[in-house]
Protein backbone atom coordinates (compact mmCIF):
# COMPACT_ATOMS: atom_id res chain seq x y z
CA MET A 1 40.68 -164.15 79.80
CA ARG A 2 41.21 -162.86 76.36
CA VAL A 3 43.95 -160.18 76.01
CA ILE A 4 43.05 -159.00 72.52
CA LYS A 5 39.72 -157.30 71.77
CA SER A 6 38.43 -156.16 68.41
CA ILE A 7 38.43 -152.42 67.79
CA SER A 8 35.34 -150.65 66.25
CA SER A 9 34.88 -147.19 64.80
CA ALA A 10 33.57 -146.14 68.19
CA ASP A 11 37.16 -146.67 69.53
CA LEU A 12 38.75 -144.31 67.03
CA PRO A 13 39.76 -141.55 69.47
CA THR A 14 41.51 -144.12 71.77
CA LEU A 15 43.21 -145.76 68.80
CA VAL A 16 44.53 -142.44 67.46
CA LYS A 17 45.92 -141.40 70.85
CA LEU A 18 47.43 -144.87 71.52
CA SER A 19 48.90 -145.32 67.97
CA ARG A 20 50.59 -141.91 68.12
CA GLU A 21 51.88 -142.37 71.74
CA THR A 22 53.32 -145.83 71.02
CA PHE A 23 54.95 -144.78 67.72
CA ILE A 24 56.50 -141.70 69.37
CA ASP A 25 57.73 -143.69 72.37
CA THR A 26 59.31 -146.31 70.07
CA PHE A 27 60.80 -144.25 67.30
CA ALA A 28 60.94 -140.51 68.12
CA ASP A 29 64.75 -140.61 68.46
CA ASN A 30 65.13 -142.09 64.98
CA TYR A 31 63.54 -139.21 62.97
CA SER A 32 63.63 -135.52 62.61
CA SER A 33 60.61 -133.69 64.04
CA GLU A 34 59.48 -132.89 60.46
CA ASP A 35 59.57 -136.62 59.37
CA LEU A 36 57.87 -137.68 62.56
CA ASN A 37 55.10 -135.11 62.21
CA THR A 38 54.62 -136.02 58.53
CA TYR A 39 54.29 -139.76 59.42
CA LEU A 40 51.86 -139.06 62.27
CA GLU A 41 49.68 -136.93 60.07
CA GLU A 42 49.77 -139.22 57.06
CA ARG A 43 49.52 -142.57 58.87
CA LEU A 44 48.25 -142.12 62.38
CA SER A 45 45.86 -139.16 62.23
CA GLU A 46 42.19 -139.49 62.87
CA THR A 47 41.45 -139.27 59.13
CA ALA A 48 44.01 -141.97 58.17
CA LEU A 49 43.04 -144.37 60.98
CA SER A 50 39.27 -143.84 60.29
CA LYS A 51 39.92 -144.97 56.66
CA GLU A 52 41.90 -147.99 57.83
CA LEU A 53 39.18 -148.94 60.36
CA ALA A 54 36.49 -148.66 57.66
CA ASP A 55 38.37 -151.01 55.26
CA VAL A 56 36.86 -154.47 55.82
CA LYS A 57 40.16 -156.07 54.89
CA ASN A 58 41.88 -154.70 58.09
CA PHE A 59 41.50 -156.08 61.51
CA PHE A 60 42.44 -154.03 64.64
CA PHE A 61 42.70 -155.24 68.19
CA PHE A 62 43.38 -153.60 71.52
CA ILE A 63 45.76 -155.41 73.86
CA LEU A 64 44.38 -155.55 77.36
CA ASN A 65 46.02 -156.30 80.60
CA LEU A 66 44.50 -158.40 83.42
CA GLU A 67 42.57 -155.36 84.72
CA GLU A 68 41.27 -154.86 81.10
CA LYS A 69 43.17 -151.66 80.68
CA ILE A 70 44.18 -150.89 77.09
CA CYS A 71 47.95 -151.32 76.91
CA GLY A 72 48.62 -151.66 73.11
CA TYR A 73 47.15 -152.41 69.73
CA ILE A 74 47.50 -154.63 66.73
CA LYS A 75 46.65 -154.21 63.03
CA ILE A 76 46.62 -157.07 60.57
CA THR A 77 45.48 -157.51 56.99
CA PRO A 78 44.67 -161.12 56.07
CA SER A 79 45.55 -162.28 52.54
CA SER A 80 47.82 -159.40 51.92
CA ASN A 81 50.97 -159.94 49.92
CA LYS A 82 52.18 -156.38 50.58
CA PHE A 83 55.88 -157.05 51.08
CA LEU A 84 56.20 -160.56 49.63
CA LYS A 85 57.85 -159.05 46.53
CA ASP A 86 60.80 -158.39 48.78
CA LEU A 87 61.38 -162.05 49.77
CA ASN A 88 64.82 -163.45 49.12
CA PRO A 89 64.79 -165.22 45.74
CA ALA A 90 65.67 -168.49 47.41
CA GLN A 91 62.65 -168.28 49.68
CA SER A 92 59.51 -169.95 48.42
CA LYS A 93 56.58 -167.58 48.36
CA PRO A 94 53.46 -168.55 50.30
CA LEU A 95 50.18 -168.65 48.34
CA SER A 96 48.59 -166.30 50.89
CA SER A 97 49.95 -164.36 53.79
CA CYS A 98 48.52 -162.21 56.58
CA TYR A 99 50.36 -158.93 57.07
CA LEU A 100 51.03 -157.95 60.64
CA GLU A 101 51.41 -154.20 60.05
CA ARG A 102 51.46 -152.96 63.74
CA PHE A 103 52.04 -154.60 67.11
CA TYR A 104 52.66 -151.96 69.74
CA LEU A 105 52.57 -151.89 73.52
CA THR A 106 52.72 -148.84 75.78
CA LYS A 107 56.23 -148.42 77.29
CA GLU A 108 54.72 -149.19 80.73
CA SER A 109 53.67 -152.63 79.48
CA LEU A 110 56.98 -153.68 77.92
CA GLY A 111 58.40 -156.62 79.74
CA SER A 112 55.10 -157.53 81.45
CA GLY A 113 54.50 -160.73 79.44
CA LEU A 114 51.50 -159.12 77.81
CA ALA A 115 53.11 -159.13 74.35
CA GLN A 116 53.53 -162.93 74.57
CA LEU A 117 49.94 -163.50 75.52
CA ALA A 118 48.75 -161.15 72.76
CA MET A 119 50.88 -162.73 70.09
CA SER A 120 49.78 -166.21 71.07
CA GLU A 121 46.12 -165.21 70.95
CA LEU A 122 46.56 -163.38 67.71
CA MET A 123 48.24 -166.33 65.97
CA SER A 124 45.35 -168.58 67.10
CA TRP A 125 42.83 -166.03 65.76
CA ILE A 126 44.59 -165.92 62.43
CA ARG A 127 44.65 -169.75 62.16
CA GLU A 128 40.94 -169.94 63.10
CA ASN A 129 39.63 -167.03 61.02
CA THR A 130 41.74 -166.95 57.85
CA GLU A 131 43.07 -169.41 55.36
CA ASP A 132 46.44 -167.65 55.15
CA GLN A 133 49.44 -169.96 55.11
CA SER A 134 51.85 -167.53 56.70
CA ILE A 135 52.18 -164.14 58.49
CA HIS A 136 54.64 -161.60 57.38
CA LEU A 137 55.81 -158.33 58.92
CA THR A 138 58.61 -155.78 58.71
CA VAL A 139 60.82 -154.85 61.59
CA PHE A 140 63.29 -151.96 61.86
CA ILE A 141 66.83 -153.31 61.41
CA GLU A 142 67.93 -151.82 64.67
CA ASN A 143 64.94 -152.94 66.76
CA TYR A 144 66.64 -156.01 68.21
CA ARG A 145 64.10 -156.49 71.00
CA ALA A 146 61.32 -156.85 68.44
CA GLN A 147 63.39 -159.12 66.26
CA ARG A 148 64.09 -161.53 69.25
CA PHE A 149 60.38 -161.46 70.18
CA TYR A 150 59.20 -162.39 66.70
CA GLN A 151 61.86 -165.11 66.34
CA LYS A 152 60.44 -166.85 69.49
CA TYR A 153 57.18 -167.28 67.53
CA GLY A 154 58.80 -168.84 64.50
CA PHE A 155 59.38 -165.77 62.41
CA PHE A 156 62.57 -165.71 60.41
CA HIS A 157 64.43 -163.13 58.23
CA ALA A 158 63.18 -163.75 54.73
CA GLY A 159 64.13 -160.58 52.91
CA ASP A 160 64.79 -156.84 53.13
CA THR A 161 62.64 -153.90 52.29
CA VAL A 162 62.33 -150.14 52.77
CA TYR A 163 59.85 -148.39 55.02
CA GLU A 164 59.30 -144.67 54.67
CA VAL A 165 58.80 -142.23 57.53
CA GLY A 166 58.49 -138.78 55.99
CA SER A 167 61.60 -138.38 53.81
CA THR A 168 63.50 -141.06 55.73
CA ARG A 169 63.81 -144.44 54.08
CA ASP A 170 64.52 -147.09 56.76
CA HIS A 171 66.12 -150.45 55.98
CA GLU A 172 63.65 -152.99 57.36
CA LEU A 173 63.87 -156.76 57.67
CA LEU A 174 61.02 -158.78 56.23
CA TYR A 175 60.05 -161.61 58.63
CA LEU A 176 57.94 -164.53 57.74
CA CYS A 177 56.30 -167.28 59.81
CA TYR A 178 54.55 -170.28 58.30
CA LEU A 179 51.21 -171.25 59.95
CA ARG A 180 50.21 -174.37 58.05
């Protein structure tokens, strides 16, 4: 059974609800209510996500459990060099890289093994459907659980960057994983 399923524009209401819920559950304690609300409106509103879904360069997937209940979502952008400018100077820059922008599970699904199944399936999809040489992502410097998870799939710390949530500028780690 597949655990990731493509998202279409018809899924927008579910995506909006899920993206806001998982972001709040993961990061609400890190930000003021003003910064959190600004981020939710600018990045995870119906308008913002509708634009992202309409962009043919983006791919969204729901993460499904064995009962086919939606338990998370993923957003990737193949052939995106969004954060590669932040690679350590000693790190060789891949010619093309897929950007894994969001990988979120509901808090009830954490620890269920679903993230591992979804990541394995996603990496296979990227290898089969893109020509990208690597995957890159950013991870909050204090999100140790996510860092350990990505490291299990061959991701390594390749640089540092900043991620803005409202007026807060977070120190993020740039992780890279070579595919080919």
